[in-house]
Amino acid sequence: MTLKNIVWKEGKYFVAQCLNVEVSSFGKTKNEALKNLDEALELYFEDGNVKKPLKVLQAEVVSMRVKYA
């Protein structure tokens, strides 16, 4: 199974999130965040009662401006 993940820096940590299932993790480095995400995904799929992963064909980063109320 091939999963698509995104990584970004948030404060002093990197956050890694899987786009196919609702699983994310973080670490002090990009590689650590991805390693932690890999472990979290293994635990997620270890449970037999998980939803079928969403198929993500093409992910695109899109900027959006919002106004706060």
C-alpha atoms as a PDB file:
ATOM      1  CA  MET A   1       0.000   0.000   0.000  1.00  0.00           C
ATOM      2  CA  THR A   2       1.354   3.430  -0.917  1.00  0.00           C
ATOM      3  CA  LEU A   3       0.240   6.322   1.274  1.00  0.00           C
ATOM      4  CA  LYS A   4       0.661  10.042   0.620  1.00  0.00           C
ATOM      5  CA  ASN A   5       1.947  12.174   3.477  1.00  0.00           C
ATOM      6  CA  ILE A   6       2.660  15.842   4.012  1.00  0.00           C
ATOM      7  CA  VAL A   7       5.224  17.428   6.330  1.00  0.00           C
ATOM      8  CA  TRP A   8       5.453  21.004   7.541  1.00  0.00           C
ATOM      9  CA  LYS A   9       7.220  22.953  10.261  1.00  0.00           C
ATOM     10  CA  GLU A  10       5.034  24.196  13.099  1.00  0.00           C
ATOM     11  CA  GLY A  11       6.965  26.202  15.663  1.00  0.00           C
ATOM     12  CA  LYS A  12      10.048  24.191  16.635  1.00  0.00           C
ATOM     13  CA  TYR A  13       8.607  20.826  15.503  1.00  0.00           C
ATOM     14  CA  PHE A  14       7.861  19.150  12.182  1.00  0.00           C
ATOM     15  CA  VAL A  15       4.375  17.699  11.724  1.00  0.00           C
ATOM     16  CA  ALA A  16       3.780  14.716   9.422  1.00  0.00           C
ATOM     17  CA  GLN A  17       0.244  13.834   8.374  1.00  0.00           C
ATOM     18  CA  CYS A  18      -1.111  11.017   6.241  1.00  0.00           C
ATOM     19  CA  LEU A  19      -3.612  12.193   3.629  1.00  0.00           C
ATOM     20  CA  ASN A  20      -5.182   8.753   3.200  1.00  0.00           C
ATOM     21  CA  VAL A  21      -6.186   8.178   6.835  1.00  0.00           C
ATOM     22  CA  GLU A  22      -6.576  10.471   9.836  1.00  0.00           C
ATOM     23  CA  VAL A  23      -3.164   9.822  11.390  1.00  0.00           C
ATOM     24  CA  SER A  24      -0.424  12.336  12.153  1.00  0.00           C
ATOM     25  CA  SER A  25       2.696  12.657  14.276  1.00  0.00           C
ATOM     26  CA  PHE A  26       5.552  15.069  14.926  1.00  0.00           C
ATOM     27  CA  GLY A  27       9.275  15.247  15.632  1.00  0.00           C
ATOM     28  CA  LYS A  28      12.198  17.623  16.094  1.00  0.00           C
ATOM     29  CA  THR A  29      13.363  16.928  12.520  1.00  0.00           C
ATOM     30  CA  LYS A  30      11.568  16.110   9.273  1.00  0.00           C
ATOM     31  CA  ASN A  31      12.993  12.575   9.315  1.00  0.00           C
ATOM     32  CA  GLU A  32      11.962  12.043  12.941  1.00  0.00           C
ATOM     33  CA  ALA A  33       8.422  13.229  12.182  1.00  0.00           C
ATOM     34  CA  LEU A  34       8.180  10.803   9.234  1.00  0.00           C
ATOM     35  CA  LYS A  35       9.598   7.941  11.315  1.00  0.00           C
ATOM     36  CA  ASN A  36       7.061   8.667  14.060  1.00  0.00           C
ATOM     37  CA  LEU A  37       4.280   8.814  11.470  1.00  0.00           C
ATOM     38  CA  ASP A  38       5.383   5.429  10.117  1.00  0.00           C
ATOM     39  CA  GLU A  39       5.123   3.940  13.625  1.00  0.00           C
ATOM     40  CA  ALA A  40       1.710   5.560  14.159  1.00  0.00           C
ATOM     41  CA  LEU A  41       0.461   4.158  10.838  1.00  0.00           C
ATOM     42  CA  GLU A  42       1.687   0.677  11.741  1.00  0.00           C
ATOM     43  CA  LEU A  43      -0.301   0.848  14.979  1.00  0.00           C
ATOM     44  CA  TYR A  44      -3.321   2.236  13.127  1.00  0.00           C
ATOM     45  CA  PHE A  45      -3.383  -0.593  10.587  1.00  0.00           C
ATOM     46  CA  GLU A  46      -2.619  -3.213  13.237  1.00  0.00           C
ATOM     47  CA  ASP A  47      -6.225  -2.817  14.383  1.00  0.00           C
ATOM     48  CA  GLY A  48      -8.473  -4.899  12.112  1.00  0.00           C
ATOM     49  CA  ASN A  49     -11.406  -2.489  12.421  1.00  0.00           C
ATOM     50  CA  VAL A  50      -9.994   0.434  10.431  1.00  0.00           C
ATOM     51  CA  LYS A  51     -11.672   2.258   7.573  1.00  0.00           C
ATOM     52  CA  LYS A  52     -10.471   1.671   4.043  1.00  0.00           C
ATOM     53  CA  PRO A  53      -7.843   4.335   3.219  1.00  0.00           C
ATOM     54  CA  LEU A  54      -8.916   7.143   0.911  1.00  0.00           C
ATOM     55  CA  LYS A  55      -7.274   7.119  -2.496  1.00  0.00           C
ATOM     56  CA  VAL A  56      -5.379  10.377  -2.999  1.00  0.00           C
ATOM     57  CA  LEU A  57      -4.450  10.818  -6.652  1.00  0.00           C
ATOM     58  CA  GLN A  58      -2.908  14.280  -6.672  1.00  0.00           C
ATOM     59  CA  ALA A  59      -2.367  16.480  -3.656  1.00  0.00           C
ATOM     60  CA  GLU A  60      -1.889  20.192  -4.148  1.00  0.00           C
ATOM     61  CA  VAL A  61      -0.972  22.890  -1.639  1.00  0.00           C
ATOM     62  CA  VAL A  62      -3.359  25.802  -2.022  1.00  0.00           C
ATOM     63  CA  SER A  63      -3.104  29.097  -0.123  1.00  0.00           C
ATOM     64  CA  MET A  64      -6.289  30.689   1.117  1.00  0.00           C
ATOM     65  CA  ARG A  65      -6.863  33.984   2.919  1.00  0.00           C
ATOM     66  CA  VAL A  66      -9.479  34.077   5.666  1.00  0.00           C
ATOM     67  CA  LYS A  67     -10.778  36.897   7.825  1.00  0.00           C
ATOM     68  CA  TYR A  68     -11.178  36.381  11.531  1.00  0.00           C
ATOM     69  CA  ALA A  69     -14.539  37.406  13.007  1.00  0.00           C
END
